Every structure is written in structure tokens, then in C-alpha cells.
Amino acid sequence: MLNIITVFFTLFIIGLTGWTLTTFVSKDDSQEAIKGELENMFDITKRLLLSIKNLIQILIRASFSSNSDKTTGVDEQLLNLVPSISDNQEDKAA
């Protein structure tokens, strides 16, 4: 089923590209409109890819920050059990 959909989608894209190129070359009055629509499609695609990239960055930040918050709390608790260097120096001086 997926192969049939892929074949039809590919044929549609190839047909649309051929039709666009043929119209662009043969009809001078349609060239500006075709250029405008192709620019719109390029901008939309660029924005979609940028949005996907931003979404991935947000998900990565959210995933790793939640893990680091949990480990930071444990690390701070463990560090509180260890005496600091300044405490050791004060003990030696006394």
C-alpha cells in the first residue's frame, strides 16, 4: 500500500514539475506568477524546516535539563557531606 502511494506521489510531483516548466517556457505572461508561487513554496519549506529544527532543539533542551536537575540535587547533597578545603585548613591551624 505504501509503495502505491509513493508511486502516485512521485508521478504527481514529476507531472507537476513538467507542467510547470512547460508553462513557464511557453507562456510569457505566466512567468511572473509562477516565479512568485515558487518563491512562496520555497519560503514555506524554509520556515517548516526551521520550525522542525527549533522543535527538536526545545525537545533536546527539555529532555536533558530535566535529567540534569535531578542529578544536580543529588550531587549537591553529596557535596554537603564532604568538608570543604577551607574547613580543613582551619582545623589544621587550630
N, C-alpha and C. Protein backbone atom coordinates (compact mmCIF):
# COMPACT_ATOMS: atom_id res chain seq x y z
N MET A 1 0.82 -1.19 0.00
CA MET A 1 0.00 0.00 0.00
C MET A 1 0.87 1.26 0.00
N LEU A 2 1.94 1.24 0.82
CA LEU A 2 2.83 2.38 0.88
C LEU A 2 3.52 2.61 -0.45
N ASN A 3 3.86 1.51 -1.14
CA ASN A 3 4.52 1.64 -2.44
C ASN A 3 3.62 2.31 -3.47
N ILE A 4 2.33 2.00 -3.45
CA ILE A 4 1.38 2.59 -4.39
C ILE A 4 1.27 4.10 -4.13
N ILE A 5 1.18 4.48 -2.86
CA ILE A 5 1.09 5.89 -2.51
C ILE A 5 2.36 6.62 -2.93
N THR A 6 3.51 6.00 -2.70
CA THR A 6 4.79 6.60 -3.08
C THR A 6 4.88 6.79 -4.59
N VAL A 7 4.45 5.79 -5.33
CA VAL A 7 4.49 5.87 -6.80
C VAL A 7 3.58 6.99 -7.29
N PHE A 8 2.36 7.07 -6.76
CA PHE A 8 1.43 8.12 -7.19
C PHE A 8 1.95 9.50 -6.80
N PHE A 9 2.51 9.63 -5.60
CA PHE A 9 3.05 10.91 -5.18
C PHE A 9 4.22 11.33 -6.07
N THR A 10 5.10 10.38 -6.38
CA THR A 10 6.24 10.67 -7.25
C THR A 10 5.78 11.06 -8.65
N LEU A 11 4.82 10.34 -9.20
CA LEU A 11 4.29 10.68 -10.52
C LEU A 11 3.62 12.06 -10.51
N PHE A 12 2.93 12.38 -9.41
CA PHE A 12 2.29 13.68 -9.29
C PHE A 12 3.33 14.79 -9.30
N ILE A 13 4.41 14.62 -8.52
CA ILE A 13 5.46 15.64 -8.45
C ILE A 13 6.15 15.79 -9.80
N ILE A 14 6.44 14.68 -10.46
CA ILE A 14 7.08 14.73 -11.78
C ILE A 14 6.16 15.41 -12.79
N GLY A 15 4.89 15.06 -12.77
CA GLY A 15 3.93 15.68 -13.68
C GLY A 15 3.77 17.17 -13.42
N LEU A 16 3.68 17.54 -12.16
CA LEU A 16 3.53 18.96 -11.81
C LEU A 16 4.78 19.75 -12.21
N THR A 17 5.95 19.16 -12.01
CA THR A 17 7.20 19.83 -12.40
C THR A 17 7.26 20.02 -13.91
N GLY A 18 6.92 18.98 -14.66
CA GLY A 18 6.91 19.08 -16.12
C GLY A 18 5.92 20.10 -16.62
N TRP A 19 4.73 20.08 -16.05
CA TRP A 19 3.69 21.03 -16.44
C TRP A 19 4.13 22.47 -16.13
N THR A 20 4.76 22.66 -14.97
CA THR A 20 5.24 23.99 -14.58
C THR A 20 6.32 24.48 -15.54
N LEU A 21 7.29 23.61 -15.82
CA LEU A 21 8.37 24.00 -16.73
C LEU A 21 7.85 24.31 -18.13
N THR A 22 6.93 23.48 -18.61
CA THR A 22 6.37 23.70 -19.94
C THR A 22 5.63 25.03 -20.01
N THR A 23 4.81 25.30 -19.00
CA THR A 23 4.06 26.55 -18.97
C THR A 23 4.99 27.75 -18.82
N PHE A 24 6.04 27.60 -17.99
CA PHE A 24 6.98 28.68 -17.77
C PHE A 24 7.70 29.06 -19.06
N VAL A 25 8.07 28.05 -19.85
CA VAL A 25 8.81 28.30 -21.08
C VAL A 25 7.88 28.81 -22.19
N SER A 26 6.69 28.24 -22.28
CA SER A 26 5.84 28.55 -23.43
C SER A 26 4.95 29.78 -23.24
N LYS A 27 4.58 30.10 -22.02
CA LYS A 27 3.67 31.23 -21.78
C LYS A 27 4.41 32.35 -21.05
N ASP A 28 4.70 33.41 -21.77
CA ASP A 28 5.44 34.52 -21.18
C ASP A 28 4.64 35.26 -20.11
N ASP A 29 3.32 35.31 -20.27
CA ASP A 29 2.51 36.06 -19.32
C ASP A 29 2.36 35.34 -17.97
N SER A 30 2.69 34.05 -17.90
CA SER A 30 2.58 33.29 -16.65
C SER A 30 3.89 33.21 -15.88
N GLN A 31 4.97 33.69 -16.45
CA GLN A 31 6.27 33.52 -15.80
C GLN A 31 6.36 34.22 -14.45
N GLU A 32 5.86 35.43 -14.36
CA GLU A 32 5.93 36.15 -13.08
C GLU A 32 5.09 35.47 -12.01
N ALA A 33 3.91 35.00 -12.38
CA ALA A 33 3.05 34.32 -11.41
C ALA A 33 3.69 33.01 -10.93
N ILE A 34 4.30 32.28 -11.86
CA ILE A 34 4.97 31.03 -11.50
C ILE A 34 6.16 31.31 -10.59
N LYS A 35 6.95 32.33 -10.92
CA LYS A 35 8.09 32.70 -10.07
C LYS A 35 7.61 33.04 -8.65
N GLY A 36 6.54 33.80 -8.57
CA GLY A 36 6.01 34.19 -7.26
C GLY A 36 5.57 32.98 -6.44
N GLU A 37 4.88 32.07 -7.08
CA GLU A 37 4.41 30.87 -6.36
C GLU A 37 5.58 29.98 -5.95
N LEU A 38 6.58 29.86 -6.79
CA LEU A 38 7.75 29.05 -6.44
C LEU A 38 8.51 29.68 -5.27
N GLU A 39 8.59 31.00 -5.25
CA GLU A 39 9.22 31.69 -4.12
C GLU A 39 8.43 31.45 -2.84
N ASN A 40 7.10 31.51 -2.92
CA ASN A 40 6.25 31.23 -1.76
C ASN A 40 6.49 29.81 -1.24
N MET A 41 6.54 28.85 -2.16
CA MET A 41 6.76 27.46 -1.77
C MET A 41 8.14 27.29 -1.11
N PHE A 42 9.14 27.98 -1.63
CA PHE A 42 10.48 27.90 -1.06
C PHE A 42 10.50 28.49 0.35
N ASP A 43 9.84 29.64 0.54
CA ASP A 43 9.77 30.28 1.86
C ASP A 43 9.03 29.40 2.86
N ILE A 44 7.94 28.79 2.43
CA ILE A 44 7.17 27.92 3.31
C ILE A 44 8.01 26.71 3.72
N THR A 45 8.72 26.13 2.76
CA THR A 45 9.57 24.99 3.06
C THR A 45 10.68 25.38 4.01
N LYS A 46 11.28 26.54 3.79
CA LYS A 46 12.34 27.03 4.66
C LYS A 46 11.83 27.24 6.09
N ARG A 47 10.65 27.82 6.22
CA ARG A 47 10.06 28.04 7.55
C ARG A 47 9.71 26.72 8.23
N LEU A 48 9.21 25.77 7.46
CA LEU A 48 8.87 24.46 8.02
C LEU A 48 10.12 23.78 8.57
N LEU A 49 11.21 23.79 7.80
CA LEU A 49 12.45 23.17 8.25
C LEU A 49 13.01 23.89 9.48
N LEU A 50 12.90 25.22 9.51
CA LEU A 50 13.36 25.98 10.67
C LEU A 50 12.52 25.65 11.91
N SER A 51 11.21 25.51 11.72
CA SER A 51 10.34 25.16 12.84
C SER A 51 10.64 23.77 13.37
N ILE A 52 10.90 22.84 12.46
CA ILE A 52 11.26 21.48 12.89
C ILE A 52 12.57 21.50 13.67
N LYS A 53 13.53 22.27 13.19
CA LYS A 53 14.82 22.39 13.89
C LYS A 53 14.62 22.98 15.28
N ASN A 54 13.81 24.04 15.39
CA ASN A 54 13.55 24.66 16.68
C ASN A 54 12.83 23.70 17.63
N LEU A 55 11.89 22.95 17.10
CA LEU A 55 11.17 21.97 17.92
C LEU A 55 12.12 20.91 18.46
N ILE A 56 13.02 20.43 17.63
CA ILE A 56 14.00 19.43 18.07
C ILE A 56 14.90 20.01 19.15
N GLN A 57 15.33 21.26 18.99
CA GLN A 57 16.18 21.89 20.00
C GLN A 57 15.44 22.04 21.32
N ILE A 58 14.17 22.41 21.28
CA ILE A 58 13.37 22.54 22.50
C ILE A 58 13.23 21.19 23.19
N LEU A 59 12.96 20.16 22.40
CA LEU A 59 12.80 18.83 22.98
C LEU A 59 14.10 18.33 23.59
N ILE A 60 15.21 18.60 22.92
CA ILE A 60 16.51 18.18 23.46
C ILE A 60 16.80 18.92 24.76
N ARG A 61 16.59 20.24 24.76
CA ARG A 61 16.84 21.03 25.96
C ARG A 61 15.96 20.55 27.12
N ALA A 62 14.70 20.28 26.83
CA ALA A 62 13.78 19.84 27.87
C ALA A 62 14.16 18.45 28.39
N SER A 63 14.60 17.59 27.52
CA SER A 63 14.96 16.24 27.93
C SER A 63 16.21 16.24 28.80
N PHE A 64 17.23 16.98 28.39
CA PHE A 64 18.48 16.96 29.13
C PHE A 64 18.42 17.83 30.38
N SER A 65 17.64 18.90 30.36
CA SER A 65 17.58 19.76 31.54
C SER A 65 16.85 19.05 32.67
N SER A 66 15.85 18.24 32.37
CA SER A 66 15.13 17.53 33.43
C SER A 66 16.04 16.49 34.06
N ASN A 67 16.90 15.86 33.28
CA ASN A 67 17.84 14.90 33.84
C ASN A 67 18.91 15.59 34.66
N SER A 68 19.41 16.73 34.20
CA SER A 68 20.47 17.41 34.92
C SER A 68 19.96 18.01 36.22
N ASP A 69 18.69 18.45 36.28
CA ASP A 69 18.14 18.98 37.52
C ASP A 69 18.10 17.90 38.60
N LYS A 70 17.73 16.71 38.22
CA LYS A 70 17.66 15.62 39.19
C LYS A 70 19.05 15.26 39.69
N THR A 71 20.02 15.19 38.80
CA THR A 71 21.37 14.80 39.23
C THR A 71 22.03 15.94 40.00
N THR A 72 21.72 17.18 39.70
CA THR A 72 22.32 18.30 40.41
C THR A 72 21.90 18.28 41.87
N GLY A 73 20.66 18.00 42.15
CA GLY A 73 20.20 17.93 43.53
C GLY A 73 20.92 16.85 44.30
N VAL A 74 21.12 15.69 43.70
CA VAL A 74 21.83 14.60 44.35
C VAL A 74 23.29 14.98 44.54
N ASP A 75 23.90 15.59 43.53
CA ASP A 75 25.30 15.99 43.63
C ASP A 75 25.50 17.01 44.74
N GLU A 76 24.60 17.96 44.88
CA GLU A 76 24.73 18.96 45.94
C GLU A 76 24.59 18.33 47.31
N GLN A 77 23.71 17.36 47.45
CA GLN A 77 23.56 16.68 48.74
C GLN A 77 24.83 15.92 49.09
N LEU A 78 25.45 15.27 48.11
CA LEU A 78 26.69 14.54 48.37
C LEU A 78 27.82 15.49 48.72
N LEU A 79 27.89 16.64 48.03
CA LEU A 79 28.94 17.60 48.32
C LEU A 79 28.80 18.20 49.71
N ASN A 80 27.59 18.33 50.22
CA ASN A 80 27.39 18.86 51.57
C ASN A 80 27.96 17.92 52.62
N LEU A 81 28.06 16.63 52.32
CA LEU A 81 28.61 15.67 53.26
C LEU A 81 30.13 15.75 53.35
N VAL A 82 30.79 16.25 52.31
CA VAL A 82 32.24 16.34 52.27
C VAL A 82 32.66 17.70 52.82
N PRO A 83 33.59 17.73 53.76
CA PRO A 83 34.03 19.03 54.29
C PRO A 83 34.80 19.81 53.23
N SER A 84 34.65 21.13 53.24
CA SER A 84 35.32 21.95 52.25
C SER A 84 36.79 22.11 52.61
N ILE A 85 37.58 22.58 51.67
CA ILE A 85 39.02 22.75 51.87
C ILE A 85 39.29 23.79 52.95
N SER A 86 38.52 24.87 52.98
CA SER A 86 38.74 25.93 53.98
C SER A 86 38.47 25.40 55.38
N ASP A 87 37.51 24.49 55.55
CA ASP A 87 37.26 23.89 56.86
C ASP A 87 38.46 23.08 57.31
N ASN A 88 39.08 22.33 56.38
CA ASN A 88 40.24 21.51 56.72
C ASN A 88 41.42 22.38 57.12
N GLN A 89 41.62 23.51 56.46
CA GLN A 89 42.74 24.40 56.78
C GLN A 89 42.54 25.04 58.14
N GLU A 90 41.32 25.39 58.49
CA GLU A 90 41.03 25.99 59.80
C GLU A 90 41.29 24.99 60.92
N ASP A 91 40.94 23.69 60.66
CA ASP A 91 41.18 22.67 61.66
C ASP A 91 42.66 22.48 61.90
N LYS A 92 43.48 22.52 60.86
CA LYS A 92 44.93 22.35 60.99
C LYS A 92 45.55 23.54 61.71
N ALA A 93 45.03 24.75 61.49
CA ALA A 93 45.57 25.95 62.11
C ALA A 93 45.26 25.95 63.62
N ALA A 94 44.17 25.37 64.01
CA ALA A 94 43.77 25.37 65.43
C ALA A 94 44.48 24.30 66.15
